[in-house]
Amino acid sequence: MALNIKTIAKMAGVSVSTVSKIINNYSDVSEETKVRVLEIMKETGYTPSNSAKTLATKKSNLIGIIFAGKLNVDFTHPFFVEVLNSFKKQMGVLGYDLLFFSNEKFQGDDADYLGRCRHYQVDGCVIISGEEIEPSIKELDESDIPCIGVDIELFGEMSGHIMSDNYKMSSKVVEHFYLQGFRDLGFIGGSKESEISNKREAGYRNAMDSFGLPARAEWFQSGEDFHEASGYKAMTRLIQAGSLPRAIFAASDQIAIGAIQALQEHSLKVPDDVSIIGCDDIEACKYTTPKLTTIRQNKEKIGRLAALMLYDLIHKQSPISSFVVEPELIVRESCGSNTHHYGYFKE
């Protein structure tokens, strides 16, 4: 006879839900029934499965991970990998496992994240920012499933989000360039559809305007995504146009690394000819030549906060909230090695 929760219930002469309540240590079962069921489980060697535990608690202890958008970062972006590592560790301490949702076969109207979350009975979801967001993300955001967005704003009744202050990071970059004496500034962003890239560009333009610096259209470039190839192509276009800004803010470290490669291949020096600042502070920044000045997003903090915020949403322990993490300028060799007088962190 196959051992499962139904078998134990039949042997004990009780309902499946009663066995599940005993497994989950509920108090509304008589001591006599509890002793009888536990004795049968001991004699048969039955070990409760997660599904058996879920029956009474209605909790699966599963958290869904969704990389949103038709174009998404998946496991290829170091920033989000580090955020997820921190999130995984904190969720592990809280007793949860992670379930990753694929979207290769589910695009557009077929994505149905809400239906799949209900099928797997996830207790909550983390949604990672992407581009060309599927309509089903909005449906999930508006549902009763607790959700936390990372770099994507969610406003549902059971949702919250966490992100770095994109406007402030751009302002810090312009201030640093200004203090270095640079007045001809450029920008290389991700795709034109990227909300995060657009926010960083808007913050950059606003900060330039505050310092009275003109924004020349030809020095503002968009890429295809946040990866090295986009930075390389965008910088190559700038070089071939025959006019270069003195300093450039790249919307990601990977874009900055690609841009530096293009400059070096054209015998231009960083920072002597063009200074560059990236964004994220991925591990590779310490090992590029020159070492990359960047805006640090606190990846460990973002991951832990996302986990704790989601846990509170699941357990209704605090009001729904959103959180903005303070960015930090990390000065290395690609832009301004003498700025310690201005109170910036220097590595």
C-alpha atoms as a PDB file:
ATOM      1  CA  MET A   1       0.000   0.000   0.000  1.00  0.00           C
ATOM      2  CA  ALA A   2       1.371   3.428  -1.037  1.00  0.00           C
ATOM      3  CA  LEU A   3       1.918   5.671   1.940  1.00  0.00           C
ATOM      4  CA  ASN A   4       0.450   9.143   1.690  1.00  0.00           C
ATOM      5  CA  ILE A   5      -1.691  11.464   3.778  1.00  0.00           C
ATOM      6  CA  LYS A   6      -4.896   9.792   2.531  1.00  0.00           C
ATOM      7  CA  THR A   7      -3.607   6.369   3.599  1.00  0.00           C
ATOM      8  CA  ILE A   8      -2.773   7.626   7.104  1.00  0.00           C
ATOM      9  CA  ALA A   9      -6.192   9.287   7.401  1.00  0.00           C
ATOM     10  CA  LYS A  10      -7.953   6.047   6.387  1.00  0.00           C
ATOM     11  CA  MET A  11      -5.914   3.952   8.828  1.00  0.00           C
ATOM     12  CA  ALA A  12      -6.682   6.375  11.685  1.00  0.00           C
ATOM     13  CA  GLY A  13     -10.337   6.771  10.751  1.00  0.00           C
ATOM     14  CA  VAL A  14     -10.097  10.540  10.445  1.00  0.00           C
ATOM     15  CA  SER A  15     -10.252  13.096   7.643  1.00  0.00           C
ATOM     16  CA  VAL A  16      -7.284  14.166   5.533  1.00  0.00           C
ATOM     17  CA  SER A  17      -7.575  17.713   6.905  1.00  0.00           C
ATOM     18  CA  THR A  18      -7.323  16.359  10.476  1.00  0.00           C
ATOM     19  CA  VAL A  19      -4.066  14.568   9.639  1.00  0.00           C
ATOM     20  CA  SER A  20      -2.779  17.744   7.988  1.00  0.00           C
ATOM     21  CA  LYS A  21      -3.635  19.783  11.095  1.00  0.00           C
ATOM     22  CA  ILE A  22      -1.727  17.300  13.274  1.00  0.00           C
ATOM     23  CA  ILE A  23       1.269  17.459  10.928  1.00  0.00           C
ATOM     24  CA  ASN A  24       1.232  21.247  11.220  1.00  0.00           C
ATOM     25  CA  ASN A  25       0.737  21.143  15.006  1.00  0.00           C
ATOM     26  CA  TYR A  26      -2.677  22.806  15.089  1.00  0.00           C
ATOM     27  CA  SER A  27      -4.320  22.945  18.525  1.00  0.00           C
ATOM     28  CA  ASP A  28      -7.928  22.252  17.486  1.00  0.00           C
ATOM     29  CA  VAL A  29      -7.481  18.443  17.418  1.00  0.00           C
ATOM     30  CA  SER A  30      -8.124  16.257  20.460  1.00  0.00           C
ATOM     31  CA  GLU A  31      -5.085  14.803  22.219  1.00  0.00           C
ATOM     32  CA  GLU A  32      -6.435  11.272  21.774  1.00  0.00           C
ATOM     33  CA  THR A  33      -6.751  11.690  17.985  1.00  0.00           C
ATOM     34  CA  LYS A  34      -3.344  13.312  17.775  1.00  0.00           C
ATOM     35  CA  VAL A  35      -1.647  10.467  19.664  1.00  0.00           C
ATOM     36  CA  ARG A  36      -3.368   7.842  17.476  1.00  0.00           C
ATOM     37  CA  VAL A  37      -2.378   9.503  14.197  1.00  0.00           C
ATOM     38  CA  LEU A  38       1.217  10.138  15.289  1.00  0.00           C
ATOM     39  CA  GLU A  39       1.541   6.503  16.398  1.00  0.00           C
ATOM     40  CA  ILE A  40       0.369   5.275  12.994  1.00  0.00           C
ATOM     41  CA  MET A  41       2.812   7.623  11.262  1.00  0.00           C
ATOM     42  CA  LYS A  42       5.622   6.284  13.456  1.00  0.00           C
ATOM     43  CA  GLU A  43       4.713   2.620  12.869  1.00  0.00           C
ATOM     44  CA  THR A  44       4.438   3.041   9.104  1.00  0.00           C
ATOM     45  CA  GLY A  45       7.490   5.317   8.789  1.00  0.00           C
ATOM     46  CA  TYR A  46       5.408   7.944   7.004  1.00  0.00           C
ATOM     47  CA  THR A  47       7.128  11.309   6.486  1.00  0.00           C
ATOM     48  CA  PRO A  48       4.828  14.218   5.592  1.00  0.00           C
ATOM     49  CA  SER A  49       5.404  15.882   2.240  1.00  0.00           C
ATOM     50  CA  ASN A  50       5.251  19.621   1.647  1.00  0.00           C
ATOM     51  CA  SER A  51       1.867  19.199  -0.046  1.00  0.00           C
ATOM     52  CA  ALA A  52       0.531  17.513   3.082  1.00  0.00           C
ATOM     53  CA  LYS A  53       1.725  20.400   5.210  1.00  0.00           C
ATOM     54  CA  THR A  54       0.143  22.854   2.802  1.00  0.00           C
ATOM     55  CA  LEU A  55      -3.341  21.366   3.148  1.00  0.00           C
ATOM     56  CA  ALA A  56      -3.974  22.841   6.594  1.00  0.00           C
ATOM     57  CA  THR A  57      -1.846  25.970   6.521  1.00  0.00           C
ATOM     58  CA  LYS A  58      -2.724  26.971   2.947  1.00  0.00           C
ATOM     59  CA  LYS A  59       0.942  27.998   2.758  1.00  0.00           C
ATOM     60  CA  SER A  60       3.410  26.340   0.385  1.00  0.00           C
ATOM     61  CA  ASN A  61       6.539  28.138   1.651  1.00  0.00           C
ATOM     62  CA  LEU A  62       7.316  28.792  -2.018  1.00  0.00           C
ATOM     63  CA  ILE A  63       8.239  32.209  -3.413  1.00  0.00           C
ATOM     64  CA  GLY A  64       7.881  32.815  -7.139  1.00  0.00           C
ATOM     65  CA  ILE A  65      10.678  34.625  -8.984  1.00  0.00           C
ATOM     66  CA  ILE A  66       9.645  36.335 -12.219  1.00  0.00           C
ATOM     67  CA  PHE A  67      11.985  38.072 -14.665  1.00  0.00           C
ATOM     68  CA  ALA A  68       9.419  40.423 -16.187  1.00  0.00           C
ATOM     69  CA  GLY A  69       9.282  41.595 -19.772  1.00  0.00           C
ATOM     70  CA  LYS A  70       9.813  40.218 -23.236  1.00  0.00           C
ATOM     71  CA  LEU A  71      13.371  41.530 -22.874  1.00  0.00           C
ATOM     72  CA  ASN A  72      14.642  40.685 -19.402  1.00  0.00           C
ATOM     73  CA  VAL A  73      17.890  40.427 -17.482  1.00  0.00           C
ATOM     74  CA  ASP A  74      17.430  36.715 -16.679  1.00  0.00           C
ATOM     75  CA  PHE A  75      20.608  35.329 -15.034  1.00  0.00           C
ATOM     76  CA  THR A  76      22.979  37.376 -17.202  1.00  0.00           C
ATOM     77  CA  HIS A  77      23.063  40.668 -15.281  1.00  0.00           C
ATOM     78  CA  PRO A  78      25.531  40.678 -12.343  1.00  0.00           C
ATOM     79  CA  PHE A  79      23.522  43.299 -10.436  1.00  0.00           C
ATOM     80  CA  PHE A  80      20.349  41.222 -10.290  1.00  0.00           C
ATOM     81  CA  VAL A  81      22.271  38.001  -9.634  1.00  0.00           C
ATOM     82  CA  GLU A  82      23.787  39.576  -6.506  1.00  0.00           C
ATOM     83  CA  VAL A  83      20.395  40.952  -5.420  1.00  0.00           C
ATOM     84  CA  LEU A  84      18.831  37.503  -5.831  1.00  0.00           C
ATOM     85  CA  ASN A  85      21.656  35.818  -3.903  1.00  0.00           C
ATOM     86  CA  SER A  86      20.975  38.143  -0.969  1.00  0.00           C
ATOM     87  CA  PHE A  87      17.219  37.596  -1.330  1.00  0.00           C
ATOM     88  CA  LYS A  88      17.661  33.794  -1.428  1.00  0.00           C
ATOM     89  CA  LYS A  89      19.771  33.765   1.734  1.00  0.00           C
ATOM     90  CA  GLN A  90      17.279  35.868   3.690  1.00  0.00           C
ATOM     91  CA  MET A  91      14.301  33.862   2.440  1.00  0.00           C
ATOM     92  CA  GLY A  92      16.122  30.649   3.344  1.00  0.00           C
ATOM     93  CA  VAL A  93      16.527  31.887   6.910  1.00  0.00           C
ATOM     94  CA  LEU A  94      12.783  32.608   6.947  1.00  0.00           C
ATOM     95  CA  GLY A  95      12.021  29.062   5.780  1.00  0.00           C
ATOM     96  CA  TYR A  96      11.130  29.577   2.109  1.00  0.00           C
ATOM     97  CA  ASP A  97      12.194  27.960  -1.170  1.00  0.00           C
ATOM     98  CA  LEU A  98      12.285  29.758  -4.518  1.00  0.00           C
ATOM     99  CA  LEU A  99      10.442  28.808  -7.706  1.00  0.00           C
ATOM    100  CA  PHE A 100      11.666  30.428 -10.929  1.00  0.00           C
ATOM    101  CA  PHE A 101       9.089  31.082 -13.639  1.00  0.00           C
ATOM    102  CA  SER A 102      10.171  30.867 -17.282  1.00  0.00           C
ATOM    103  CA  ASN A 103       8.619  33.046 -19.957  1.00  0.00           C
ATOM    104  CA  GLU A 104      10.253  31.645 -23.097  1.00  0.00           C
ATOM    105  CA  LYS A 105       7.060  29.782 -24.049  1.00  0.00           C
ATOM    106  CA  PHE A 106       4.710  32.267 -22.399  1.00  0.00           C
ATOM    107  CA  GLN A 107       4.722  35.664 -24.062  1.00  0.00           C
ATOM    108  CA  GLY A 108       2.140  38.441 -24.276  1.00  0.00           C
ATOM    109  CA  ASP A 109      -1.371  37.246 -23.550  1.00  0.00           C
ATOM    110  CA  ASP A 110      -0.114  33.699 -22.913  1.00  0.00           C
ATOM    111  CA  ALA A 111       2.094  34.626 -19.951  1.00  0.00           C
ATOM    112  CA  ASP A 112      -0.667  34.162 -17.310  1.00  0.00           C
ATOM    113  CA  TYR A 113       1.641  34.582 -14.318  1.00  0.00           C
ATOM    114  CA  LEU A 114      -1.327  34.795 -11.975  1.00  0.00           C
ATOM    115  CA  GLY A 115      -2.699  31.435 -13.096  1.00  0.00           C
ATOM    116  CA  ARG A 116       0.678  29.764 -12.762  1.00  0.00           C
ATOM    117  CA  CYS A 117       1.241  31.286  -9.313  1.00  0.00           C
ATOM    118  CA  ARG A 118      -2.104  29.914  -8.182  1.00  0.00           C
ATOM    119  CA  HIS A 119      -1.315  26.507  -9.694  1.00  0.00           C
ATOM    120  CA  TYR A 120       1.901  26.248  -7.657  1.00  0.00           C
ATOM    121  CA  GLN A 121       0.281  27.912  -4.636  1.00  0.00           C
ATOM    122  CA  VAL A 122       3.166  30.341  -4.141  1.00  0.00           C
ATOM    123  CA  ASP A 123       2.920  32.436  -0.989  1.00  0.00           C
ATOM    124  CA  GLY A 124       4.319  35.509  -2.725  1.00  0.00           C
ATOM    125  CA  CYS A 125       6.350  36.747  -5.701  1.00  0.00           C
ATOM    126  CA  VAL A 126       9.358  38.869  -6.488  1.00  0.00           C
ATOM    127  CA  ILE A 127       9.175  40.556  -9.892  1.00  0.00           C
ATOM    128  CA  ILE A 128      12.470  41.637 -11.471  1.00  0.00           C
ATOM    129  CA  SER A 129      12.392  44.615 -13.838  1.00  0.00           C
ATOM    130  CA  GLY A 130      12.581  44.042 -17.581  1.00  0.00           C
ATOM    131  CA  GLU A 131      11.514  45.775 -20.776  1.00  0.00           C
ATOM    132  CA  GLU A 132       8.245  45.487 -22.714  1.00  0.00           C
ATOM    133  CA  ILE A 133       6.421  44.290 -19.592  1.00  0.00           C
ATOM    134  CA  GLU A 134       3.691  41.708 -20.221  1.00  0.00           C
ATOM    135  CA  PRO A 135       0.065  42.685 -19.378  1.00  0.00           C
ATOM    136  CA  SER A 136      -0.085  39.644 -17.067  1.00  0.00           C
ATOM    137  CA  ILE A 137       2.376  41.363 -14.694  1.00  0.00           C
ATOM    138  CA  LYS A 138      -0.264  44.043 -14.067  1.00  0.00           C
ATOM    139  CA  GLU A 139      -2.844  41.310 -13.459  1.00  0.00           C
ATOM    140  CA  LEU A 140      -0.560  39.687 -10.889  1.00  0.00           C
ATOM    141  CA  ASP A 141       0.175  43.054  -9.255  1.00  0.00           C
ATOM    142  CA  GLU A 142      -3.564  43.683  -8.840  1.00  0.00           C
ATOM    143  CA  SER A 143      -4.253  40.218  -7.373  1.00  0.00           C
ATOM    144  CA  ASP A 144      -4.322  39.065  -3.751  1.00  0.00           C
ATOM    145  CA  ILE A 145      -0.891  37.411  -4.091  1.00  0.00           C
ATOM    146  CA  PRO A 146       1.769  39.434  -2.209  1.00  0.00           C
ATOM    147  CA  CYS A 147       4.335  40.854  -4.648  1.00  0.00           C
ATOM    148  CA  ILE A 148       7.511  42.912  -4.349  1.00  0.00           C
ATOM    149  CA  GLY A 149       9.003  44.570  -7.422  1.00  0.00           C
ATOM    150  CA  VAL A 150      12.752  45.089  -7.776  1.00  0.00           C
ATOM    151  CA  ASP A 151      13.456  48.079 -10.034  1.00  0.00           C
ATOM    152  CA  ILE A 152       9.810  47.971 -11.148  1.00  0.00           C
ATOM    153  CA  GLU A 153       7.039  49.969  -9.502  1.00  0.00           C
ATOM    154  CA  LEU A 154       4.049  47.952  -8.245  1.00  0.00           C
ATOM    155  CA  PHE A 155       0.975  49.620  -6.786  1.00  0.00           C
ATOM    156  CA  GLY A 156      -1.482  46.773  -6.102  1.00  0.00           C
ATOM    157  CA  GLU A 157      -3.185  46.408  -2.715  1.00  0.00           C
ATOM    158  CA  MET A 158      -0.877  43.487  -1.861  1.00  0.00           C
ATOM    159  CA  SER A 159       2.244  44.840  -3.551  1.00  0.00           C
ATOM    160  CA  GLY A 160       5.274  46.989  -2.847  1.00  0.00           C
ATOM    161  CA  HIS A 161       8.544  47.762  -4.578  1.00  0.00           C
ATOM    162  CA  ILE A 162      12.161  48.594  -3.891  1.00  0.00           C
ATOM    163  CA  MET A 163      14.691  50.419  -6.033  1.00  0.00           C
ATOM    164  CA  SER A 164      17.628  52.773  -5.918  1.00  0.00           C
ATOM    165  CA  ASP A 165      17.035  56.504  -6.245  1.00  0.00           C
ATOM    166  CA  ASN A 166      17.728  56.864  -9.973  1.00  0.00           C
ATOM    167  CA  TYR A 167      17.393  60.636  -9.963  1.00  0.00           C
ATOM    168  CA  LYS A 168      19.805  61.059  -7.069  1.00  0.00           C
ATOM    169  CA  MET A 169      22.420  58.776  -8.626  1.00  0.00           C
ATOM    170  CA  SER A 170      22.374  60.885 -11.807  1.00  0.00           C
ATOM    171  CA  SER A 171      22.666  64.045  -9.747  1.00  0.00           C
ATOM    172  CA  LYS A 172      25.717  62.644  -7.920  1.00  0.00           C
ATOM    173  CA  VAL A 173      27.385  61.903 -11.273  1.00  0.00           C
ATOM    174  CA  VAL A 174      26.819  65.403 -12.664  1.00  0.00           C
ATOM    175  CA  GLU A 175      28.047  66.986  -9.413  1.00  0.00           C
ATOM    176  CA  HIS A 176      31.197  64.869  -9.557  1.00  0.00           C
ATOM    177  CA  PHE A 177      31.843  65.763 -13.192  1.00  0.00           C
ATOM    178  CA  TYR A 178      31.300  69.442 -12.387  1.00  0.00           C
ATOM    179  CA  LEU A 179      33.736  69.351  -9.477  1.00  0.00           C
ATOM    180  CA  GLN A 180      36.304  67.775 -11.793  1.00  0.00           C
ATOM    181  CA  GLY A 181      35.953  70.756 -14.126  1.00  0.00           C
ATOM    182  CA  PHE A 182      34.088  68.905 -16.894  1.00  0.00           C
ATOM    183  CA  ARG A 183      31.396  70.862 -18.733  1.00  0.00           C
ATOM    184  CA  ASP A 184      30.880  68.797 -21.916  1.00  0.00           C
ATOM    185  CA  LEU A 185      28.857  65.823 -20.713  1.00  0.00           C
ATOM    186  CA  GLY A 186      27.330  62.854 -22.499  1.00  0.00           C
ATOM    187  CA  PHE A 187      25.140  59.881 -21.613  1.00  0.00           C
ATOM    188  CA  ILE A 188      24.820  56.296 -22.845  1.00  0.00           C
ATOM    189  CA  GLY A 189      21.600  54.572 -21.806  1.00  0.00           C
ATOM    190  CA  GLY A 190      19.927  51.232 -22.290  1.00  0.00           C
ATOM    191  CA  SER A 191      17.085  50.813 -24.769  1.00  0.00           C
ATOM    192  CA  LYS A 192      14.618  53.655 -25.302  1.00  0.00           C
ATOM    193  CA  GLU A 193      11.896  51.411 -23.826  1.00  0.00           C
ATOM    194  CA  SER A 194      13.741  50.947 -20.530  1.00  0.00           C
ATOM    195  CA  GLU A 195      11.986  52.812 -17.722  1.00  0.00           C
ATOM    196  CA  ILE A 196      15.078  52.645 -15.489  1.00  0.00           C
ATOM    197  CA  SER A 197      17.385  53.993 -18.192  1.00  0.00           C
ATOM    198  CA  ASN A 198      14.917  56.778 -18.992  1.00  0.00           C
ATOM    199  CA  LYS A 199      14.755  57.781 -15.317  1.00  0.00           C
ATOM    200  CA  ARG A 200      18.547  57.934 -15.099  1.00  0.00           C
ATOM    201  CA  GLU A 201      18.697  60.035 -18.243  1.00  0.00           C
ATOM    202  CA  ALA A 202      15.950  62.372 -17.024  1.00  0.00           C
ATOM    203  CA  GLY A 203      17.745  62.821 -13.690  1.00  0.00           C
ATOM    204  CA  TYR A 204      21.004  63.465 -15.549  1.00  0.00           C
ATOM    205  CA  ARG A 205      19.449  66.122 -17.782  1.00  0.00           C
ATOM    206  CA  ASN A 206      17.777  67.810 -14.795  1.00  0.00           C
ATOM    207  CA  ALA A 207      21.057  67.909 -12.875  1.00  0.00           C
ATOM    208  CA  MET A 208      22.910  69.307 -15.895  1.00  0.00           C
ATOM    209  CA  ASP A 209      20.283  72.011 -16.194  1.00  0.00           C
ATOM    210  CA  SER A 210      20.711  72.867 -12.502  1.00  0.00           C
ATOM    211  CA  PHE A 211      24.428  73.466 -13.120  1.00  0.00           C
ATOM    212  CA  GLY A 212      23.717  75.430 -16.305  1.00  0.00           C
ATOM    213  CA  LEU A 213      25.273  72.781 -18.539  1.00  0.00           C
ATOM    214  CA  PRO A 214      23.908  72.364 -22.082  1.00  0.00           C
ATOM    215  CA  ALA A 215      22.788  68.886 -23.177  1.00  0.00           C
ATOM    216  CA  ARG A 216      23.904  68.306 -26.767  1.00  0.00           C
ATOM    217  CA  ALA A 217      21.575  65.836 -28.476  1.00  0.00           C
ATOM    218  CA  GLU A 218      24.389  64.044 -30.340  1.00  0.00           C
ATOM    219  CA  TRP A 219      26.116  63.211 -27.041  1.00  0.00           C
ATOM    220  CA  PHE A 220      23.090  61.335 -25.698  1.00  0.00           C
ATOM    221  CA  GLN A 221      22.975  57.787 -27.012  1.00  0.00           C
ATOM    222  CA  SER A 222      20.629  54.834 -26.420  1.00  0.00           C
ATOM    223  CA  GLY A 223      21.651  51.209 -26.687  1.00  0.00           C
ATOM    224  CA  GLU A 224      19.783  47.947 -27.157  1.00  0.00           C
ATOM    225  CA  ASP A 225      20.097  46.831 -23.526  1.00  0.00           C
ATOM    226  CA  PHE A 226      22.382  47.193 -20.492  1.00  0.00           C
ATOM    227  CA  HIS A 227      25.176  44.920 -21.755  1.00  0.00           C
ATOM    228  CA  GLU A 228      28.709  45.548 -23.023  1.00  0.00           C
ATOM    229  CA  ALA A 229      27.877  45.329 -26.726  1.00  0.00           C
ATOM    230  CA  SER A 230      25.426  48.232 -26.417  1.00  0.00           C
ATOM    231  CA  GLY A 231      28.051  50.423 -24.784  1.00  0.00           C
ATOM    232  CA  TYR A 232      30.623  49.460 -27.409  1.00  0.00           C
ATOM    233  CA  LYS A 233      28.285  50.295 -30.319  1.00  0.00           C
ATOM    234  CA  ALA A 234      27.096  53.567 -28.802  1.00  0.00           C
ATOM    235  CA  MET A 235      30.633  54.776 -28.108  1.00  0.00           C
ATOM    236  CA  THR A 236      31.721  53.743 -31.596  1.00  0.00           C
ATOM    237  CA  ARG A 237      28.930  55.918 -33.041  1.00  0.00           C
ATOM    238  CA  LEU A 238      30.126  58.871 -30.952  1.00  0.00           C
ATOM    239  CA  ILE A 239      33.731  58.389 -32.077  1.00  0.00           C
ATOM    240  CA  GLN A 240      32.762  58.092 -35.727  1.00  0.00           C
ATOM    241  CA  ALA A 241      30.664  61.265 -35.478  1.00  0.00           C
ATOM    242  CA  GLY A 242      33.916  63.120 -34.816  1.00  0.00           C
ATOM    243  CA  SER A 243      32.834  64.927 -31.651  1.00  0.00           C
ATOM    244  CA  LEU A 244      33.237  63.540 -28.151  1.00  0.00           C
ATOM    245  CA  PRO A 245      32.064  64.819 -24.760  1.00  0.00           C
ATOM    246  CA  ARG A 246      34.717  65.152 -22.062  1.00  0.00           C
ATOM    247  CA  ALA A 247      32.841  62.898 -19.633  1.00  0.00           C
ATOM    248  CA  ILE A 248      30.134  60.246 -20.008  1.00  0.00           C
ATOM    249  CA  PHE A 249      27.678  58.627 -17.609  1.00  0.00           C
ATOM    250  CA  ALA A 250      26.755  55.073 -18.640  1.00  0.00           C
ATOM    251  CA  ALA A 251      23.435  53.681 -17.362  1.00  0.00           C
ATOM    252  CA  SER A 252      25.150  50.436 -16.294  1.00  0.00           C
ATOM    253  CA  ASP A 253      28.677  49.224 -15.561  1.00  0.00           C
ATOM    254  CA  GLN A 254      28.465  46.783 -18.453  1.00  0.00           C
ATOM    255  CA  ILE A 255      27.631  49.628 -20.856  1.00  0.00           C
ATOM    256  CA  ALA A 256      30.596  51.567 -19.433  1.00  0.00           C
ATOM    257  CA  ILE A 257      32.947  48.604 -19.901  1.00  0.00           C
ATOM    258  CA  GLY A 258      31.879  48.245 -23.545  1.00  0.00           C
ATOM    259  CA  ALA A 259      32.364  51.996 -24.084  1.00  0.00           C
ATOM    260  CA  ILE A 260      35.881  51.874 -22.605  1.00  0.00           C
ATOM    261  CA  GLN A 261      36.783  49.022 -24.958  1.00  0.00           C
ATOM    262  CA  ALA A 262      35.640  51.062 -27.975  1.00  0.00           C
ATOM    263  CA  LEU A 263      37.673  54.085 -26.856  1.00  0.00           C
ATOM    264  CA  GLN A 264      40.800  52.003 -26.317  1.00  0.00           C
ATOM    265  CA  GLU A 265      40.468  50.348 -29.727  1.00  0.00           C
ATOM    266  CA  HIS A 266      40.478  53.851 -31.247  1.00  0.00           C
ATOM    267  CA  SER A 267      43.625  54.813 -29.293  1.00  0.00           C
ATOM    268  CA  LEU A 268      41.723  57.078 -26.914  1.00  0.00           C
ATOM    269  CA  LYS A 269      42.610  57.049 -23.216  1.00  0.00           C
ATOM    270  CA  VAL A 270      40.325  56.860 -20.189  1.00  0.00           C
ATOM    271  CA  PRO A 271      40.253  59.183 -18.269  1.00  0.00           C
ATOM    272  CA  ASP A 272      42.744  61.418 -20.144  1.00  0.00           C
ATOM    273  CA  ASP A 273      40.586  61.841 -23.251  1.00  0.00           C
ATOM    274  CA  VAL A 274      37.176  60.804 -21.947  1.00  0.00           C
ATOM    275  CA  SER A 275      36.176  60.164 -18.328  1.00  0.00           C
ATOM    276  CA  ILE A 276      33.516  57.547 -17.668  1.00  0.00           C
ATOM    277  CA  ILE A 277      31.233  56.681 -14.751  1.00  0.00           C
ATOM    278  CA  GLY A 278      29.123  53.515 -14.691  1.00  0.00           C
ATOM    279  CA  CYS A 279      26.263  52.357 -12.517  1.00  0.00           C
ATOM    280  CA  ASP A 280      25.709  49.284 -10.246  1.00  0.00           C
ATOM    281  CA  ASP A 281      29.235  48.603  -8.894  1.00  0.00           C
ATOM    282  CA  ILE A 282      29.442  45.030 -10.151  1.00  0.00           C
ATOM    283  CA  GLU A 283      32.538  43.056  -9.135  1.00  0.00           C
ATOM    284  CA  ALA A 284      34.214  43.572 -12.530  1.00  0.00           C
ATOM    285  CA  CYS A 285      34.586  47.326 -11.851  1.00  0.00           C
ATOM    286  CA  LYS A 286      37.603  46.642  -9.627  1.00  0.00           C
ATOM    287  CA  TYR A 287      39.415  44.739 -12.372  1.00  0.00           C
ATOM    288  CA  THR A 288      38.861  46.836 -15.510  1.00  0.00           C
ATOM    289  CA  THR A 289      41.694  48.950 -16.933  1.00  0.00           C
ATOM    290  CA  PRO A 290      41.318  51.605 -15.714  1.00  0.00           C
ATOM    291  CA  LYS A 291      39.274  50.652 -12.660  1.00  0.00           C
ATOM    292  CA  LEU A 292      35.731  51.909 -13.129  1.00  0.00           C
ATOM    293  CA  THR A 293      34.257  54.801 -11.163  1.00  0.00           C
ATOM    294  CA  THR A 294      30.623  53.937 -10.582  1.00  0.00           C
ATOM    295  CA  ILE A 295      27.423  54.496  -8.647  1.00  0.00           C
ATOM    296  CA  ARG A 296      27.048  51.708  -6.113  1.00  0.00           C
ATOM    297  CA  GLN A 297      23.612  50.220  -5.626  1.00  0.00           C
ATOM    298  CA  ASN A 298      23.568  48.328  -2.346  1.00  0.00           C
ATOM    299  CA  LYS A 299      22.712  44.916  -3.792  1.00  0.00           C
ATOM    300  CA  GLU A 300      22.902  43.023  -0.492  1.00  0.00           C
ATOM    301  CA  LYS A 301      20.586  45.545   1.169  1.00  0.00           C
ATOM    302  CA  ILE A 302      18.109  45.546  -1.722  1.00  0.00           C
ATOM    303  CA  GLY A 303      17.906  41.733  -1.648  1.00  0.00           C
ATOM    304  CA  ARG A 304      17.404  41.540   2.129  1.00  0.00           C
ATOM    305  CA  LEU A 305      14.851  44.334   2.161  1.00  0.00           C
ATOM    306  CA  ALA A 306      12.900  42.693  -0.671  1.00  0.00           C
ATOM    307  CA  ALA A 307      12.782  39.437   1.329  1.00  0.00           C
ATOM    308  CA  LEU A 308      11.707  41.080   4.589  1.00  0.00           C
ATOM    309  CA  MET A 309       9.133  43.306   2.888  1.00  0.00           C
ATOM    310  CA  LEU A 310       7.624  40.302   1.103  1.00  0.00           C
ATOM    311  CA  TYR A 311       7.579  38.285   4.338  1.00  0.00           C
ATOM    312  CA  ASP A 312       5.705  41.109   6.073  1.00  0.00           C
ATOM    313  CA  LEU A 313       3.205  41.289   3.207  1.00  0.00           C
ATOM    314  CA  ILE A 314       2.604  37.534   3.347  1.00  0.00           C
ATOM    315  CA  HIS A 315       2.045  37.617   7.106  1.00  0.00           C
ATOM    316  CA  LYS A 316       0.268  40.990   7.114  1.00  0.00           C
ATOM    317  CA  GLN A 317       2.732  42.237   9.723  1.00  0.00           C
ATOM    318  CA  SER A 318       3.109  45.778   8.413  1.00  0.00           C
ATOM    319  CA  PRO A 319       1.419  48.189   5.993  1.00  0.00           C
ATOM    320  CA  ILE A 320       2.244  47.809   2.307  1.00  0.00           C
ATOM    321  CA  SER A 321       5.305  49.895   1.588  1.00  0.00           C
ATOM    322  CA  SER A 322       7.845  50.882  -0.995  1.00  0.00           C
ATOM    323  CA  PHE A 323      11.456  51.723  -0.348  1.00  0.00           C
ATOM    324  CA  VAL A 324      14.127  53.743  -2.130  1.00  0.00           C
ATOM    325  CA  VAL A 325      17.770  52.822  -1.430  1.00  0.00           C
ATOM    326  CA  GLU A 326      20.383  55.587  -1.286  1.00  0.00           C
ATOM    327  CA  PRO A 327      23.059  55.298  -4.035  1.00  0.00           C
ATOM    328  CA  GLU A 328      26.767  55.924  -3.369  1.00  0.00           C
ATOM    329  CA  LEU A 329      29.460  57.255  -5.672  1.00  0.00           C
ATOM    330  CA  ILE A 330      32.556  55.024  -5.708  1.00  0.00           C
ATOM    331  CA  VAL A 331      35.548  56.890  -7.141  1.00  0.00           C
ATOM    332  CA  ARG A 332      38.170  54.862  -8.970  1.00  0.00           C
ATOM    333  CA  GLU A 333      40.476  55.538 -11.904  1.00  0.00           C
ATOM    334  CA  SER A 334      38.095  56.064 -14.849  1.00  0.00           C
ATOM    335  CA  CYS A 335      37.011  59.460 -13.528  1.00  0.00           C
ATOM    336  CA  GLY A 336      38.655  61.637 -10.957  1.00  0.00           C
ATOM    337  CA  SER A 337      41.164  60.110  -8.608  1.00  0.00           C
ATOM    338  CA  ASN A 338      41.637  63.357  -6.633  1.00  0.00           C
ATOM    339  CA  THR A 339      38.111  63.889  -5.359  1.00  0.00           C
ATOM    340  CA  HIS A 340      38.593  62.778  -1.763  1.00  0.00           C
ATOM    341  CA  HIS A 341      38.462  66.441  -0.678  1.00  0.00           C
ATOM    342  CA  TYR A 342      34.765  66.476  -1.600  1.00  0.00           C
ATOM    343  CA  GLY A 343      33.788  63.677   0.747  1.00  0.00           C
ATOM    344  CA  TYR A 344      33.295  60.921  -1.792  1.00  0.00           C
ATOM    345  CA  PHE A 345      34.136  57.311  -1.011  1.00  0.00           C
ATOM    346  CA  LYS A 346      37.346  56.349  -2.808  1.00  0.00           C
ATOM    347  CA  GLU A 347      38.601  52.834  -3.597  1.00  0.00           C
END
